[in-house]
Amino acid sequence: VWMDYYNNERTHQGKMCCGRTPLETLIDGKRTWAEKNLAQI
């Protein structure tokens, strides 16, 4: 229960999260990585 709240509901105050939840940050990062990775091919 706590881990679900921590990753999906609580906004993160970290430098790169910009008020997003850790899960949102992960998903956005994966999308950005995929775009940059495809650009190198």
N, C-alpha and C. Protein backbone atom coordinates (compact mmCIF):
# COMPACT_ATOMS: atom_id res chain seq x y z
N VAL A 1 0.84 -1.19 0.00
CA VAL A 1 0.00 0.00 0.00
C VAL A 1 0.88 1.25 0.00
N TRP A 2 1.86 1.28 0.90
CA TRP A 2 2.72 2.46 0.97
C TRP A 2 3.51 2.64 -0.33
N MET A 3 4.04 1.55 -0.88
CA MET A 3 4.83 1.64 -2.11
C MET A 3 3.99 2.11 -3.28
N ASP A 4 2.74 1.66 -3.35
CA ASP A 4 1.84 2.11 -4.40
C ASP A 4 1.61 3.62 -4.29
N TYR A 5 1.35 4.10 -3.10
CA TYR A 5 1.17 5.55 -2.89
C TYR A 5 2.45 6.29 -3.25
N TYR A 6 3.59 5.78 -2.82
CA TYR A 6 4.88 6.45 -3.03
C TYR A 6 5.19 6.61 -4.52
N ASN A 7 4.89 5.61 -5.31
CA ASN A 7 5.24 5.64 -6.73
C ASN A 7 4.16 6.23 -7.63
N ASN A 8 2.90 6.18 -7.22
CA ASN A 8 1.82 6.56 -8.14
C ASN A 8 1.05 7.82 -7.76
N GLU A 9 1.08 8.23 -6.51
CA GLU A 9 0.26 9.37 -6.10
C GLU A 9 1.07 10.54 -5.55
N ARG A 10 2.12 10.24 -4.82
CA ARG A 10 2.91 11.29 -4.16
C ARG A 10 3.79 11.99 -5.20
N THR A 11 3.70 13.32 -5.25
CA THR A 11 4.59 14.05 -6.15
C THR A 11 5.98 14.07 -5.56
N HIS A 12 6.95 14.00 -6.42
CA HIS A 12 8.35 13.97 -6.00
C HIS A 12 8.93 15.37 -6.08
N GLN A 13 9.74 15.73 -5.13
CA GLN A 13 10.31 17.07 -5.09
C GLN A 13 11.72 17.11 -5.66
N GLY A 14 12.15 16.05 -6.26
CA GLY A 14 13.52 15.98 -6.79
C GLY A 14 13.74 16.92 -7.96
N LYS A 15 15.00 17.13 -8.27
CA LYS A 15 15.42 18.08 -9.29
C LYS A 15 14.84 17.76 -10.67
N MET A 16 14.81 16.51 -11.05
CA MET A 16 14.38 16.14 -12.40
C MET A 16 12.91 15.77 -12.49
N CYS A 17 12.22 15.65 -11.37
CA CYS A 17 10.83 15.20 -11.41
C CYS A 17 9.85 16.34 -11.69
N CYS A 18 10.18 17.54 -11.28
CA CYS A 18 9.36 18.72 -11.57
C CYS A 18 7.92 18.56 -11.11
N GLY A 19 7.71 17.98 -9.95
CA GLY A 19 6.37 17.84 -9.40
C GLY A 19 5.59 16.64 -9.91
N ARG A 20 6.21 15.81 -10.73
CA ARG A 20 5.54 14.61 -11.22
C ARG A 20 5.75 13.48 -10.22
N THR A 21 4.95 12.44 -10.36
CA THR A 21 5.16 11.26 -9.52
C THR A 21 6.36 10.49 -10.07
N PRO A 22 6.99 9.66 -9.25
CA PRO A 22 8.12 8.86 -9.75
C PRO A 22 7.74 8.00 -10.96
N LEU A 23 6.53 7.47 -10.99
CA LEU A 23 6.11 6.64 -12.12
C LEU A 23 5.99 7.48 -13.39
N GLU A 24 5.42 8.67 -13.30
CA GLU A 24 5.32 9.55 -14.46
C GLU A 24 6.71 9.91 -14.99
N THR A 25 7.63 10.17 -14.08
CA THR A 25 9.00 10.50 -14.46
C THR A 25 9.64 9.33 -15.19
N LEU A 26 9.44 8.12 -14.70
CA LEU A 26 9.99 6.93 -15.34
C LEU A 26 9.43 6.75 -16.75
N ILE A 27 8.12 6.89 -16.90
CA ILE A 27 7.49 6.70 -18.21
C ILE A 27 7.97 7.76 -19.20
N ASP A 28 8.05 9.01 -18.76
CA ASP A 28 8.55 10.07 -19.64
C ASP A 28 10.00 9.83 -20.03
N GLY A 29 10.80 9.36 -19.08
CA GLY A 29 12.21 9.08 -19.36
C GLY A 29 12.37 7.94 -20.35
N LYS A 30 11.55 6.92 -20.24
CA LYS A 30 11.62 5.80 -21.18
C LYS A 30 11.25 6.26 -22.58
N ARG A 31 10.25 7.12 -22.68
CA ARG A 31 9.82 7.64 -23.98
C ARG A 31 10.96 8.47 -24.61
N THR A 32 11.56 9.33 -23.82
CA THR A 32 12.66 10.16 -24.31
C THR A 32 13.84 9.30 -24.73
N TRP A 33 14.17 8.29 -23.92
CA TRP A 33 15.28 7.39 -24.25
C TRP A 33 15.01 6.68 -25.57
N ALA A 34 13.78 6.20 -25.77
CA ALA A 34 13.44 5.49 -27.00
C ALA A 34 13.58 6.40 -28.22
N GLU A 35 13.15 7.65 -28.10
CA GLU A 35 13.28 8.59 -29.21
C GLU A 35 14.75 8.84 -29.55
N LYS A 36 15.57 9.04 -28.55
CA LYS A 36 17.00 9.29 -28.79
C LYS A 36 17.69 8.04 -29.31
N ASN A 37 17.30 6.89 -28.82
CA ASN A 37 17.90 5.64 -29.26
C ASN A 37 17.57 5.37 -30.73
N LEU A 38 16.34 5.63 -31.15
CA LEU A 38 15.96 5.43 -32.54
C LEU A 38 16.66 6.42 -33.45
N ALA A 39 16.93 7.62 -32.95
CA ALA A 39 17.60 8.64 -33.75
C ALA A 39 19.04 8.23 -34.07
N GLN A 40 19.63 7.39 -33.23
CA GLN A 40 21.02 6.97 -33.44
C GLN A 40 21.13 5.85 -34.46
N ILE A 41 20.04 5.18 -34.75
CA ILE A 41 20.07 4.03 -35.67
C ILE A 41 20.14 4.50 -37.11
